[in-house]
Amino acid sequence: MARIKTDDEALEKASALADYLDAVRQPLHRGMRLGEIIDALASVKPDANVEFDFGGLRPTGVDSYRGYYSDLALSYGDEGMTSGLLLNELRDAVGATFEGYKGGEFRMDKSTPVWVANYGRSHGVAVIGIDDQGRRVVIRTAMID
């Protein structure tokens, strides 16, 4: 998004630094980013069942992650969604603003880290892979935080 230039030299320097940091944002862990998950799911059959690699649980939606409000969390339960529905939710999250657990608004983008936790929880479990097994997609996870 284009930024309006000002005559304030200090503000321009701070804004340039913020723009640079946004551009080079690198993961602090091996967890997948929102864009990576979208790319992985884009090549999967849209009617494939999706489940996590633990407990037979399935993704049920997305929300702001309580551990880091600026990150996303995939919620889970016994009933889930197909890969096509999950892909649509994740695509809708790009550019969307989510409210943090204790307030604040956080805009998500393709570089946003994705965790696994239900609303109000933070377990340090991140998405680290997507395994397409034909009629089933397994979301691989790891405790990294």
N, C-alpha and C. Protein backbone atom coordinates (compact mmCIF):
# COMPACT_ATOMS: atom_id res chain seq x y z
N MET A 1 0.85 -1.17 0.00
CA MET A 1 0.00 0.00 0.00
C MET A 1 0.90 1.23 0.00
N ALA A 2 0.57 2.21 -0.83
CA ALA A 2 1.36 3.42 -0.93
C ALA A 2 1.22 4.25 0.34
N ARG A 3 2.32 4.85 0.73
CA ARG A 3 2.36 5.66 1.94
C ARG A 3 2.48 7.12 1.52
N ILE A 4 1.82 8.02 2.21
CA ILE A 4 1.89 9.44 1.92
C ILE A 4 3.20 9.98 2.48
N LYS A 5 3.96 10.66 1.64
CA LYS A 5 5.23 11.25 2.05
C LYS A 5 4.97 12.52 2.86
N THR A 6 5.87 12.80 3.80
CA THR A 6 5.77 14.02 4.60
C THR A 6 7.08 14.79 4.52
N ASP A 7 7.11 15.97 5.10
CA ASP A 7 8.33 16.77 5.18
C ASP A 7 9.10 16.49 6.46
N ASP A 8 8.58 15.62 7.30
CA ASP A 8 9.21 15.29 8.58
C ASP A 8 10.29 14.24 8.34
N GLU A 9 11.56 14.66 8.40
CA GLU A 9 12.67 13.76 8.09
C GLU A 9 12.74 12.58 9.05
N ALA A 10 12.51 12.81 10.32
CA ALA A 10 12.56 11.72 11.31
C ALA A 10 11.45 10.70 11.05
N LEU A 11 10.26 11.19 10.73
CA LEU A 11 9.15 10.28 10.43
C LEU A 11 9.44 9.49 9.17
N GLU A 12 10.01 10.12 8.16
CA GLU A 12 10.35 9.42 6.92
C GLU A 12 11.38 8.33 7.17
N LYS A 13 12.39 8.61 8.00
CA LYS A 13 13.41 7.60 8.33
C LYS A 13 12.79 6.43 9.08
N ALA A 14 11.94 6.74 10.05
CA ALA A 14 11.28 5.68 10.83
C ALA A 14 10.37 4.85 9.93
N SER A 15 9.66 5.51 9.03
CA SER A 15 8.77 4.79 8.12
C SER A 15 9.56 3.91 7.15
N ALA A 16 10.70 4.43 6.67
CA ALA A 16 11.53 3.64 5.77
C ALA A 16 12.07 2.41 6.49
N LEU A 17 12.46 2.56 7.74
CA LEU A 17 12.94 1.42 8.52
C LEU A 17 11.81 0.40 8.72
N ALA A 18 10.62 0.88 9.06
CA ALA A 18 9.48 -0.03 9.24
C ALA A 18 9.15 -0.76 7.95
N ASP A 19 9.19 -0.06 6.82
CA ASP A 19 8.93 -0.69 5.52
C ASP A 19 9.98 -1.77 5.24
N TYR A 20 11.25 -1.47 5.53
CA TYR A 20 12.33 -2.43 5.31
C TYR A 20 12.13 -3.67 6.19
N LEU A 21 11.83 -3.46 7.46
CA LEU A 21 11.65 -4.59 8.37
C LEU A 21 10.47 -5.46 7.95
N ASP A 22 9.40 -4.85 7.47
CA ASP A 22 8.27 -5.63 6.96
C ASP A 22 8.69 -6.47 5.75
N ALA A 23 9.52 -5.89 4.90
CA ALA A 23 9.93 -6.58 3.67
C ALA A 23 10.85 -7.76 3.94
N VAL A 24 11.65 -7.69 4.99
CA VAL A 24 12.62 -8.76 5.26
C VAL A 24 12.22 -9.64 6.44
N ARG A 25 10.98 -9.53 6.86
CA ARG A 25 10.49 -10.32 8.00
C ARG A 25 10.80 -11.79 7.78
N GLN A 26 11.59 -12.36 8.67
CA GLN A 26 12.00 -13.76 8.57
C GLN A 26 11.46 -14.54 9.76
N PRO A 27 11.14 -15.79 9.55
CA PRO A 27 10.62 -16.60 10.65
C PRO A 27 11.69 -16.82 11.72
N LEU A 28 11.24 -16.83 12.96
CA LEU A 28 12.13 -17.15 14.08
C LEU A 28 12.07 -18.63 14.39
N HIS A 29 11.26 -19.36 13.65
CA HIS A 29 11.08 -20.80 13.86
C HIS A 29 10.75 -21.44 12.52
N ARG A 30 10.64 -22.73 12.50
CA ARG A 30 10.42 -23.44 11.25
C ARG A 30 8.94 -23.58 10.87
N GLY A 31 8.07 -22.90 11.56
CA GLY A 31 6.65 -22.96 11.26
C GLY A 31 6.33 -22.36 9.90
N MET A 32 5.24 -22.83 9.32
CA MET A 32 4.82 -22.35 8.01
C MET A 32 4.11 -21.01 8.12
N ARG A 33 4.19 -20.26 7.05
CA ARG A 33 3.52 -18.98 6.91
C ARG A 33 2.20 -19.19 6.19
N LEU A 34 1.30 -18.23 6.35
CA LEU A 34 -0.02 -18.31 5.73
C LEU A 34 0.08 -18.54 4.22
N GLY A 35 0.93 -17.81 3.53
CA GLY A 35 1.08 -17.97 2.09
C GLY A 35 1.58 -19.34 1.69
N GLU A 36 2.47 -19.91 2.49
CA GLU A 36 2.99 -21.25 2.20
C GLU A 36 1.90 -22.30 2.32
N ILE A 37 1.05 -22.16 3.33
CA ILE A 37 -0.05 -23.12 3.51
C ILE A 37 -1.06 -22.98 2.38
N ILE A 38 -1.36 -21.74 1.98
CA ILE A 38 -2.27 -21.52 0.86
C ILE A 38 -1.71 -22.18 -0.40
N ASP A 39 -0.44 -21.97 -0.67
CA ASP A 39 0.18 -22.56 -1.85
C ASP A 39 0.11 -24.09 -1.81
N ALA A 40 0.37 -24.67 -0.65
CA ALA A 40 0.34 -26.13 -0.52
C ALA A 40 -1.07 -26.67 -0.72
N LEU A 41 -2.08 -25.99 -0.18
CA LEU A 41 -3.46 -26.48 -0.30
C LEU A 41 -4.05 -26.23 -1.69
N ALA A 42 -3.48 -25.28 -2.43
CA ALA A 42 -4.01 -24.95 -3.76
C ALA A 42 -3.91 -26.12 -4.73
N SER A 43 -2.97 -27.03 -4.50
CA SER A 43 -2.78 -28.16 -5.41
C SER A 43 -3.46 -29.44 -4.93
N VAL A 44 -4.22 -29.34 -3.86
CA VAL A 44 -4.89 -30.49 -3.25
C VAL A 44 -6.33 -30.58 -3.76
N LYS A 45 -6.86 -31.80 -3.86
CA LYS A 45 -8.27 -31.97 -4.23
C LYS A 45 -9.14 -31.20 -3.24
N PRO A 46 -10.08 -30.37 -3.73
CA PRO A 46 -10.86 -29.52 -2.82
C PRO A 46 -11.80 -30.30 -1.90
N ASP A 47 -12.11 -31.56 -2.23
CA ASP A 47 -13.02 -32.33 -1.37
C ASP A 47 -12.26 -33.27 -0.43
N ALA A 48 -10.92 -33.13 -0.35
CA ALA A 48 -10.14 -33.98 0.55
C ALA A 48 -10.41 -33.61 2.00
N ASN A 49 -10.50 -34.61 2.86
CA ASN A 49 -10.65 -34.35 4.29
C ASN A 49 -9.32 -33.88 4.85
N VAL A 50 -9.37 -32.95 5.80
CA VAL A 50 -8.16 -32.39 6.39
C VAL A 50 -8.15 -32.74 7.87
N GLU A 51 -6.99 -33.20 8.35
CA GLU A 51 -6.85 -33.48 9.79
C GLU A 51 -5.43 -33.16 10.22
N PHE A 52 -5.30 -32.96 11.51
CA PHE A 52 -3.97 -32.73 12.08
C PHE A 52 -3.30 -34.06 12.34
N ASP A 53 -2.01 -34.01 12.58
CA ASP A 53 -1.23 -35.22 12.83
C ASP A 53 -1.32 -35.67 14.29
N PHE A 54 -2.29 -35.17 15.03
CA PHE A 54 -2.49 -35.58 16.42
C PHE A 54 -3.96 -35.80 16.70
N GLY A 55 -4.28 -36.83 17.38
CA GLY A 55 -5.62 -37.07 17.91
C GLY A 55 -6.76 -37.17 16.94
N GLY A 56 -6.51 -37.24 15.63
CA GLY A 56 -7.60 -37.31 14.66
C GLY A 56 -8.44 -36.05 14.60
N LEU A 57 -7.96 -34.96 15.16
CA LEU A 57 -8.72 -33.71 15.17
C LEU A 57 -8.57 -33.00 13.84
N ARG A 58 -9.56 -32.15 13.54
CA ARG A 58 -9.63 -31.49 12.23
C ARG A 58 -9.73 -29.98 12.40
N PRO A 59 -9.20 -29.23 11.43
CA PRO A 59 -9.31 -27.76 11.52
C PRO A 59 -10.77 -27.32 11.38
N THR A 60 -11.12 -26.31 12.18
CA THR A 60 -12.50 -25.80 12.16
C THR A 60 -12.59 -24.33 11.78
N GLY A 61 -11.46 -23.64 11.70
CA GLY A 61 -11.48 -22.22 11.33
C GLY A 61 -10.18 -21.53 11.68
N VAL A 62 -10.15 -20.21 11.48
CA VAL A 62 -8.96 -19.42 11.78
C VAL A 62 -9.32 -18.25 12.68
N ASP A 63 -8.34 -17.84 13.48
CA ASP A 63 -8.52 -16.71 14.38
C ASP A 63 -7.14 -16.17 14.74
N SER A 64 -7.11 -15.06 15.43
CA SER A 64 -5.86 -14.54 15.96
C SER A 64 -5.34 -15.50 17.03
N TYR A 65 -4.02 -15.72 17.04
CA TYR A 65 -3.40 -16.64 18.00
C TYR A 65 -3.15 -15.91 19.31
N ARG A 66 -3.52 -16.50 20.43
CA ARG A 66 -3.35 -15.82 21.70
C ARG A 66 -1.87 -15.63 22.06
N GLY A 67 -1.02 -16.55 21.64
CA GLY A 67 0.40 -16.43 21.96
C GLY A 67 1.02 -15.17 21.35
N TYR A 68 0.67 -14.88 20.12
CA TYR A 68 1.12 -13.68 19.40
C TYR A 68 -0.08 -13.20 18.60
N TYR A 69 -0.72 -12.15 19.06
CA TYR A 69 -1.96 -11.72 18.44
C TYR A 69 -1.80 -11.40 16.96
N SER A 70 -0.60 -11.06 16.54
CA SER A 70 -0.37 -10.73 15.13
C SER A 70 -0.25 -11.98 14.25
N ASP A 71 -0.30 -13.16 14.87
CA ASP A 71 -0.23 -14.43 14.14
C ASP A 71 -1.62 -15.06 14.05
N LEU A 72 -1.75 -16.05 13.19
CA LEU A 72 -3.02 -16.77 13.03
C LEU A 72 -2.96 -18.11 13.75
N ALA A 73 -4.13 -18.59 14.13
CA ALA A 73 -4.26 -19.93 14.70
C ALA A 73 -5.33 -20.70 13.94
N LEU A 74 -5.04 -21.96 13.67
CA LEU A 74 -6.06 -22.88 13.15
C LEU A 74 -6.71 -23.52 14.36
N SER A 75 -8.01 -23.34 14.49
CA SER A 75 -8.73 -24.00 15.58
C SER A 75 -9.05 -25.43 15.16
N TYR A 76 -9.42 -26.27 16.12
CA TYR A 76 -9.64 -27.68 15.83
C TYR A 76 -10.78 -28.26 16.63
N GLY A 77 -11.28 -29.39 16.16
CA GLY A 77 -12.36 -30.11 16.82
C GLY A 77 -12.57 -31.44 16.13
N ASP A 78 -13.62 -32.14 16.54
CA ASP A 78 -13.93 -33.44 15.94
C ASP A 78 -14.48 -33.31 14.53
N GLU A 79 -15.30 -32.28 14.32
CA GLU A 79 -15.87 -32.02 13.00
C GLU A 79 -15.00 -30.97 12.33
N GLY A 80 -14.66 -31.16 11.08
CA GLY A 80 -13.78 -30.21 10.41
C GLY A 80 -14.29 -29.78 9.07
N MET A 81 -13.37 -29.47 8.19
CA MET A 81 -13.73 -28.97 6.87
C MET A 81 -12.88 -29.64 5.81
N THR A 82 -13.33 -29.53 4.59
CA THR A 82 -12.57 -30.07 3.47
C THR A 82 -11.40 -29.12 3.17
N SER A 83 -10.48 -29.59 2.34
CA SER A 83 -9.33 -28.77 1.98
C SER A 83 -9.78 -27.52 1.22
N GLY A 84 -10.82 -27.64 0.39
CA GLY A 84 -11.32 -26.48 -0.34
C GLY A 84 -11.88 -25.41 0.57
N LEU A 85 -12.64 -25.81 1.58
CA LEU A 85 -13.19 -24.84 2.53
C LEU A 85 -12.08 -24.19 3.35
N LEU A 86 -11.11 -24.99 3.79
CA LEU A 86 -9.99 -24.44 4.56
C LEU A 86 -9.19 -23.47 3.69
N LEU A 87 -8.95 -23.84 2.45
CA LEU A 87 -8.22 -22.96 1.53
C LEU A 87 -8.94 -21.62 1.39
N ASN A 88 -10.26 -21.65 1.24
CA ASN A 88 -11.03 -20.40 1.12
C ASN A 88 -10.89 -19.55 2.37
N GLU A 89 -10.96 -20.17 3.56
CA GLU A 89 -10.82 -19.41 4.81
C GLU A 89 -9.44 -18.78 4.91
N LEU A 90 -8.42 -19.53 4.52
CA LEU A 90 -7.06 -19.01 4.59
C LEU A 90 -6.85 -17.88 3.59
N ARG A 91 -7.39 -18.03 2.39
CA ARG A 91 -7.29 -16.95 1.40
C ARG A 91 -8.00 -15.69 1.90
N ASP A 92 -9.17 -15.88 2.53
CA ASP A 92 -9.91 -14.74 3.07
C ASP A 92 -9.15 -14.05 4.20
N ALA A 93 -8.27 -14.78 4.88
CA ALA A 93 -7.50 -14.20 5.98
C ALA A 93 -6.41 -13.25 5.49
N VAL A 94 -5.96 -13.42 4.24
CA VAL A 94 -4.93 -12.54 3.70
C VAL A 94 -5.51 -11.13 3.55
N GLY A 95 -4.92 -10.19 4.24
CA GLY A 95 -5.41 -8.81 4.20
C GLY A 95 -6.52 -8.52 5.19
N ALA A 96 -7.02 -9.56 5.87
CA ALA A 96 -8.11 -9.37 6.84
C ALA A 96 -7.54 -8.91 8.18
N THR A 97 -8.37 -8.24 8.95
CA THR A 97 -7.99 -7.77 10.27
C THR A 97 -8.70 -8.63 11.31
N PHE A 98 -7.92 -9.14 12.26
CA PHE A 98 -8.45 -9.96 13.34
C PHE A 98 -8.25 -9.24 14.66
N GLU A 99 -9.17 -9.45 15.59
CA GLU A 99 -9.05 -8.87 16.92
C GLU A 99 -8.26 -9.81 17.81
N GLY A 100 -7.27 -9.27 18.53
CA GLY A 100 -6.49 -10.05 19.47
C GLY A 100 -7.33 -10.47 20.66
N TYR A 101 -6.89 -11.48 21.37
CA TYR A 101 -7.65 -12.04 22.50
C TYR A 101 -7.99 -10.97 23.54
N LYS A 102 -7.04 -10.09 23.83
CA LYS A 102 -7.29 -9.02 24.81
C LYS A 102 -7.43 -7.66 24.14
N GLY A 103 -7.75 -7.68 22.85
CA GLY A 103 -7.98 -6.43 22.14
C GLY A 103 -6.92 -6.14 21.11
N GLY A 104 -7.12 -5.08 20.39
CA GLY A 104 -6.22 -4.68 19.32
C GLY A 104 -6.62 -5.33 18.02
N GLU A 105 -6.25 -4.68 16.93
CA GLU A 105 -6.56 -5.19 15.60
C GLU A 105 -5.27 -5.53 14.89
N PHE A 106 -5.26 -6.71 14.25
CA PHE A 106 -4.05 -7.21 13.62
C PHE A 106 -4.37 -7.68 12.20
N ARG A 107 -3.67 -7.06 11.25
CA ARG A 107 -3.89 -7.38 9.84
C ARG A 107 -2.96 -8.52 9.44
N MET A 108 -3.50 -9.54 8.81
CA MET A 108 -2.74 -10.71 8.40
C MET A 108 -2.30 -10.57 6.95
N ASP A 109 -1.15 -11.17 6.65
CA ASP A 109 -0.67 -11.20 5.27
C ASP A 109 -0.05 -12.57 5.01
N LYS A 110 0.48 -12.77 3.83
CA LYS A 110 1.00 -14.09 3.46
C LYS A 110 2.21 -14.51 4.29
N SER A 111 2.87 -13.55 4.95
CA SER A 111 4.03 -13.89 5.77
C SER A 111 3.66 -14.16 7.23
N THR A 112 2.37 -14.16 7.55
CA THR A 112 1.92 -14.37 8.92
C THR A 112 2.15 -15.82 9.35
N PRO A 113 2.81 -16.04 10.49
CA PRO A 113 2.97 -17.41 11.02
C PRO A 113 1.62 -18.01 11.40
N VAL A 114 1.52 -19.34 11.27
CA VAL A 114 0.27 -20.03 11.58
C VAL A 114 0.53 -21.09 12.65
N TRP A 115 -0.27 -21.02 13.70
CA TRP A 115 -0.19 -21.93 14.85
C TRP A 115 -1.44 -22.80 14.89
N VAL A 116 -1.48 -23.72 15.84
CA VAL A 116 -2.65 -24.58 16.04
C VAL A 116 -3.12 -24.38 17.48
N ALA A 117 -4.30 -23.79 17.64
CA ALA A 117 -4.85 -23.56 18.98
C ALA A 117 -6.29 -23.09 18.84
N ASN A 118 -7.10 -23.49 19.77
CA ASN A 118 -8.46 -22.98 19.82
C ASN A 118 -8.46 -21.59 20.43
N TYR A 119 -9.55 -20.87 20.25
CA TYR A 119 -9.66 -19.49 20.70
C TYR A 119 -9.26 -19.34 22.17
N GLY A 120 -8.41 -18.36 22.43
CA GLY A 120 -7.99 -18.08 23.80
C GLY A 120 -6.89 -18.97 24.33
N ARG A 121 -6.38 -19.86 23.52
CA ARG A 121 -5.33 -20.80 23.95
C ARG A 121 -4.04 -20.52 23.19
N SER A 122 -2.93 -20.89 23.81
CA SER A 122 -1.63 -20.86 23.11
C SER A 122 -0.81 -22.01 23.66
N HIS A 123 -0.47 -22.92 22.78
CA HIS A 123 0.24 -24.14 23.19
C HIS A 123 1.63 -24.23 22.59
N GLY A 124 2.01 -23.30 21.72
CA GLY A 124 3.31 -23.35 21.08
C GLY A 124 3.40 -24.39 19.98
N VAL A 125 2.25 -24.81 19.44
CA VAL A 125 2.22 -25.81 18.38
C VAL A 125 2.03 -25.08 17.05
N ALA A 126 3.00 -25.26 16.15
CA ALA A 126 2.97 -24.58 14.85
C ALA A 126 2.73 -25.58 13.72
N VAL A 127 2.20 -25.09 12.63
CA VAL A 127 2.08 -25.89 11.40
C VAL A 127 3.46 -25.92 10.77
N ILE A 128 3.96 -27.14 10.48
CA ILE A 128 5.28 -27.26 9.86
C ILE A 128 5.25 -27.97 8.51
N GLY A 129 4.08 -28.48 8.12
CA GLY A 129 4.00 -29.15 6.83
C GLY A 129 2.58 -29.51 6.45
N ILE A 130 2.37 -29.72 5.16
CA ILE A 130 1.09 -30.16 4.62
C ILE A 130 1.38 -31.40 3.79
N ASP A 131 0.78 -32.53 4.16
CA ASP A 131 0.98 -33.78 3.43
C ASP A 131 -0.29 -34.15 2.67
N ASP A 132 -0.22 -34.10 1.34
CA ASP A 132 -1.34 -34.48 0.48
C ASP A 132 -1.28 -35.99 0.30
N GLN A 133 -2.29 -36.68 0.84
CA GLN A 133 -2.35 -38.13 0.75
C GLN A 133 -3.53 -38.57 -0.12
N GLY A 134 -3.90 -37.72 -1.07
CA GLY A 134 -4.99 -38.07 -1.98
C GLY A 134 -6.33 -37.61 -1.44
N ARG A 135 -7.08 -38.53 -0.85
CA ARG A 135 -8.40 -38.20 -0.30
C ARG A 135 -8.30 -37.58 1.09
N ARG A 136 -7.07 -37.48 1.60
CA ARG A 136 -6.86 -36.95 2.95
C ARG A 136 -5.63 -36.04 2.93
N VAL A 137 -5.73 -34.94 3.67
CA VAL A 137 -4.60 -34.03 3.83
C VAL A 137 -4.26 -34.00 5.32
N VAL A 138 -2.99 -34.20 5.63
CA VAL A 138 -2.55 -34.17 7.03
C VAL A 138 -1.73 -32.90 7.25
N ILE A 139 -2.13 -32.14 8.26
CA ILE A 139 -1.39 -30.95 8.65
C ILE A 139 -0.38 -31.39 9.71
N ARG A 140 0.90 -31.32 9.36
CA ARG A 140 1.96 -31.71 10.30
C ARG A 140 2.25 -30.55 11.25
N THR A 141 2.46 -30.88 12.50
CA THR A 141 2.67 -29.87 13.53
C THR A 141 3.90 -30.20 14.37
N ALA A 142 4.38 -29.22 15.09
CA ALA A 142 5.46 -29.43 16.06
C ALA A 142 5.37 -28.37 17.14
N MET A 143 5.72 -28.74 18.37
CA MET A 143 5.78 -27.79 19.45
C MET A 143 7.13 -27.08 19.33
N ILE A 144 7.08 -25.79 19.08
CA ILE A 144 8.31 -25.05 18.84
C ILE A 144 8.45 -23.80 19.69
N ASP A 145 7.47 -23.51 20.51
CA ASP A 145 7.54 -22.27 21.30
C ASP A 145 7.25 -22.57 22.76
